[in-house]
Amino acid sequence: MFGKLREQSGNWRGDAVTYTASHSRERAEHGPASDWRCACGCGRQAEEWAYLGTDPEPKVSTHTDSEGSLYSPDPEHYAPLSKPCHRSFDVWQAQRRTGVPIGLVIAEALAA
């Protein structure tokens, strides 16, 4: 960052953070998702950090790769998930409100 600590840049402070920077913030806070087991309880190794939809004021990405995706600047609104569970959760989340334990969400999504 050309002499500037990443934590001092605009993408690392407050709510003015992009979709990509929010995921970088998550990795900086909790490490790579692959260091964790999938939060749904399936026993798989996690591969990605997934936004849980629990931020009362989520942001919407305008970046071309993630346009329309919801995200949070707060790392506490993410969980480590395997890719299949992440995809299933995203489908479920698009159809319903959150607030249900993630294990039940994934089980319901996989059963559908």
C-alpha atoms as a PDB file:
ATOM      1  CA  MET A   1       0.000   0.000   0.000  1.00  0.00           C
ATOM      2  CA  PHE A   2       2.906   2.335  -0.738  1.00  0.00           C
ATOM      3  CA  GLY A   3       4.024   2.956   2.826  1.00  0.00           C
ATOM      4  CA  LYS A   4       0.538   2.949   4.310  1.00  0.00           C
ATOM      5  CA  LEU A   5      -0.539   0.116   6.550  1.00  0.00           C
ATOM      6  CA  ARG A   6      -3.560  -1.634   5.104  1.00  0.00           C
ATOM      7  CA  GLU A   7      -5.429  -1.085   8.357  1.00  0.00           C
ATOM      8  CA  GLN A   8      -4.975   2.669   7.876  1.00  0.00           C
ATOM      9  CA  SER A   9      -6.423   2.764   4.375  1.00  0.00           C
ATOM     10  CA  GLY A  10     -10.068   3.626   3.727  1.00  0.00           C
ATOM     11  CA  ASN A  11     -10.873   0.004   2.908  1.00  0.00           C
ATOM     12  CA  TRP A  12      -9.886  -1.087   6.400  1.00  0.00           C
ATOM     13  CA  ARG A  13     -11.749   1.439   8.553  1.00  0.00           C
ATOM     14  CA  GLY A  14     -15.395   2.009   9.233  1.00  0.00           C
ATOM     15  CA  ASP A  15     -18.299   1.191   6.973  1.00  0.00           C
ATOM     16  CA  ALA A  16     -16.880   2.676   3.762  1.00  0.00           C
ATOM     17  CA  VAL A  17     -15.536  -0.643   2.520  1.00  0.00           C
ATOM     18  CA  THR A  18     -15.992  -2.461  -0.782  1.00  0.00           C
ATOM     19  CA  TYR A  19     -17.265  -6.027  -1.217  1.00  0.00           C
ATOM     20  CA  THR A  20     -13.744  -7.299  -1.930  1.00  0.00           C
ATOM     21  CA  ALA A  21     -12.205  -5.346   0.939  1.00  0.00           C
ATOM     22  CA  SER A  22     -14.855  -6.670   3.346  1.00  0.00           C
ATOM     23  CA  HIS A  23     -13.737 -10.221   2.527  1.00  0.00           C
ATOM     24  CA  SER A  24     -10.103  -9.180   2.964  1.00  0.00           C
ATOM     25  CA  ARG A  25     -11.059  -7.714   6.320  1.00  0.00           C
ATOM     26  CA  GLU A  26     -12.669 -11.050   7.229  1.00  0.00           C
ATOM     27  CA  ARG A  27      -9.509 -12.995   6.328  1.00  0.00           C
ATOM     28  CA  ALA A  28      -7.374 -10.558   8.329  1.00  0.00           C
ATOM     29  CA  GLU A  29      -9.660 -10.959  11.356  1.00  0.00           C
ATOM     30  CA  HIS A  30     -10.250 -14.736  11.301  1.00  0.00           C
ATOM     31  CA  GLY A  31      -7.706 -16.162   8.854  1.00  0.00           C
ATOM     32  CA  PRO A  32      -8.478 -18.066   5.684  1.00  0.00           C
ATOM     33  CA  ALA A  33     -11.765 -19.953   5.604  1.00  0.00           C
ATOM     34  CA  SER A  34      -9.793 -23.119   4.833  1.00  0.00           C
ATOM     35  CA  ASP A  35      -8.470 -23.018   8.416  1.00  0.00           C
ATOM     36  CA  TRP A  36     -12.008 -23.837   9.605  1.00  0.00           C
ATOM     37  CA  ARG A  37     -14.599 -26.588   9.276  1.00  0.00           C
ATOM     38  CA  CYS A  38     -17.830 -25.706   7.490  1.00  0.00           C
ATOM     39  CA  ALA A  39     -20.083 -23.857   9.933  1.00  0.00           C
ATOM     40  CA  CYS A  40     -23.188 -25.781   8.856  1.00  0.00           C
ATOM     41  CA  GLY A  41     -21.998 -28.926  10.597  1.00  0.00           C
ATOM     42  CA  CYS A  42     -21.627 -31.071   7.449  1.00  0.00           C
ATOM     43  CA  GLY A  43     -18.052 -31.975   8.425  1.00  0.00           C
ATOM     44  CA  ARG A  44     -16.496 -30.597   5.228  1.00  0.00           C
ATOM     45  CA  GLN A  45     -13.495 -28.297   5.189  1.00  0.00           C
ATOM     46  CA  ALA A  46     -14.569 -24.674   4.672  1.00  0.00           C
ATOM     47  CA  GLU A  47     -13.375 -22.934   1.529  1.00  0.00           C
ATOM     48  CA  GLU A  48     -15.051 -19.526   1.585  1.00  0.00           C
ATOM     49  CA  TRP A  49     -16.288 -16.873   3.967  1.00  0.00           C
ATOM     50  CA  ALA A  50     -20.035 -16.435   3.516  1.00  0.00           C
ATOM     51  CA  TYR A  51     -22.045 -13.390   4.464  1.00  0.00           C
ATOM     52  CA  LEU A  52     -24.871 -14.583   6.733  1.00  0.00           C
ATOM     53  CA  GLY A  53     -27.309 -11.761   6.044  1.00  0.00           C
ATOM     54  CA  THR A  54     -27.377 -10.764   9.700  1.00  0.00           C
ATOM     55  CA  ASP A  55     -26.171  -7.161   9.399  1.00  0.00           C
ATOM     56  CA  PRO A  56     -29.160  -4.853  10.001  1.00  0.00           C
ATOM     57  CA  GLU A  57     -27.732  -2.437   7.409  1.00  0.00           C
ATOM     58  CA  PRO A  58     -26.060  -4.550   4.707  1.00  0.00           C
ATOM     59  CA  LYS A  59     -24.242  -3.031   1.776  1.00  0.00           C
ATOM     60  CA  VAL A  60     -24.872  -3.930  -1.873  1.00  0.00           C
ATOM     61  CA  SER A  61     -21.921  -4.519  -4.162  1.00  0.00           C
ATOM     62  CA  THR A  62     -21.625  -2.475  -7.341  1.00  0.00           C
ATOM     63  CA  HIS A  63     -18.458  -4.240  -8.541  1.00  0.00           C
ATOM     64  CA  THR A  64     -18.969  -6.095 -11.834  1.00  0.00           C
ATOM     65  CA  ASP A  65     -17.854  -9.488 -10.423  1.00  0.00           C
ATOM     66  CA  SER A  66     -20.211  -9.306  -7.435  1.00  0.00           C
ATOM     67  CA  GLU A  67     -22.854  -6.793  -8.491  1.00  0.00           C
ATOM     68  CA  GLY A  68     -25.988  -6.973  -6.378  1.00  0.00           C
ATOM     69  CA  SER A  69     -24.414  -9.178  -3.691  1.00  0.00           C
ATOM     70  CA  LEU A  70     -25.079  -8.205  -0.097  1.00  0.00           C
ATOM     71  CA  TYR A  71     -22.135  -7.860   2.282  1.00  0.00           C
ATOM     72  CA  SER A  72     -21.149  -6.377   5.619  1.00  0.00           C
ATOM     73  CA  PRO A  73     -18.113  -4.361   6.704  1.00  0.00           C
ATOM     74  CA  ASP A  74     -18.245  -6.245  10.036  1.00  0.00           C
ATOM     75  CA  PRO A  75     -16.367  -9.593  10.074  1.00  0.00           C
ATOM     76  CA  GLU A  76     -18.779 -10.934  12.701  1.00  0.00           C
ATOM     77  CA  HIS A  77     -21.484 -11.316  10.035  1.00  0.00           C
ATOM     78  CA  TYR A  78     -19.599 -14.058   8.142  1.00  0.00           C
ATOM     79  CA  ALA A  79     -19.120 -17.796   8.599  1.00  0.00           C
ATOM     80  CA  PRO A  80     -16.735 -20.289   6.988  1.00  0.00           C
ATOM     81  CA  LEU A  81     -18.570 -22.579   4.543  1.00  0.00           C
ATOM     82  CA  SER A  82     -17.660 -25.226   1.984  1.00  0.00           C
ATOM     83  CA  LYS A  83     -18.439 -24.205  -1.600  1.00  0.00           C
ATOM     84  CA  PRO A  84     -21.518 -26.481  -1.908  1.00  0.00           C
ATOM     85  CA  CYS A  85     -22.922 -25.232   1.391  1.00  0.00           C
ATOM     86  CA  HIS A  86     -22.177 -21.610   0.463  1.00  0.00           C
ATOM     87  CA  ARG A  87     -24.057 -21.974  -2.838  1.00  0.00           C
ATOM     88  CA  SER A  88     -26.995 -23.691  -1.114  1.00  0.00           C
ATOM     89  CA  PHE A  89     -27.069 -21.019   1.574  1.00  0.00           C
ATOM     90  CA  ASP A  90     -27.046 -18.220  -1.025  1.00  0.00           C
ATOM     91  CA  VAL A  91     -30.024 -19.802  -2.805  1.00  0.00           C
ATOM     92  CA  TRP A  92     -31.905 -20.199   0.469  1.00  0.00           C
ATOM     93  CA  GLN A  93     -31.011 -16.677   1.555  1.00  0.00           C
ATOM     94  CA  ALA A  94     -32.328 -15.220  -1.692  1.00  0.00           C
ATOM     95  CA  GLN A  95     -35.680 -16.885  -0.983  1.00  0.00           C
ATOM     96  CA  ARG A  96     -36.071 -16.291   2.769  1.00  0.00           C
ATOM     97  CA  ARG A  97     -35.065 -14.064   5.644  1.00  0.00           C
ATOM     98  CA  THR A  98     -32.164 -15.114   7.835  1.00  0.00           C
ATOM     99  CA  GLY A  99     -32.048 -15.644  11.578  1.00  0.00           C
ATOM    100  CA  VAL A 100     -32.312 -19.442  11.479  1.00  0.00           C
ATOM    101  CA  PRO A 101     -29.291 -21.536  12.616  1.00  0.00           C
ATOM    102  CA  ILE A 102     -27.061 -22.078   9.590  1.00  0.00           C
ATOM    103  CA  GLY A 103     -27.051 -25.872   9.965  1.00  0.00           C
ATOM    104  CA  LEU A 104     -30.842 -25.920   9.557  1.00  0.00           C
ATOM    105  CA  VAL A 105     -30.627 -23.529   6.626  1.00  0.00           C
ATOM    106  CA  ILE A 106     -28.148 -25.734   4.746  1.00  0.00           C
ATOM    107  CA  ALA A 107     -30.110 -28.916   5.536  1.00  0.00           C
ATOM    108  CA  GLU A 108     -33.298 -27.318   4.222  1.00  0.00           C
ATOM    109  CA  ALA A 109     -31.571 -26.002   1.112  1.00  0.00           C
ATOM    110  CA  LEU A 110     -29.980 -29.377   0.336  1.00  0.00           C
ATOM    111  CA  ALA A 111     -33.294 -31.172   0.841  1.00  0.00           C
ATOM    112  CA  ALA A 112     -35.087 -28.911  -1.652  1.00  0.00           C
END
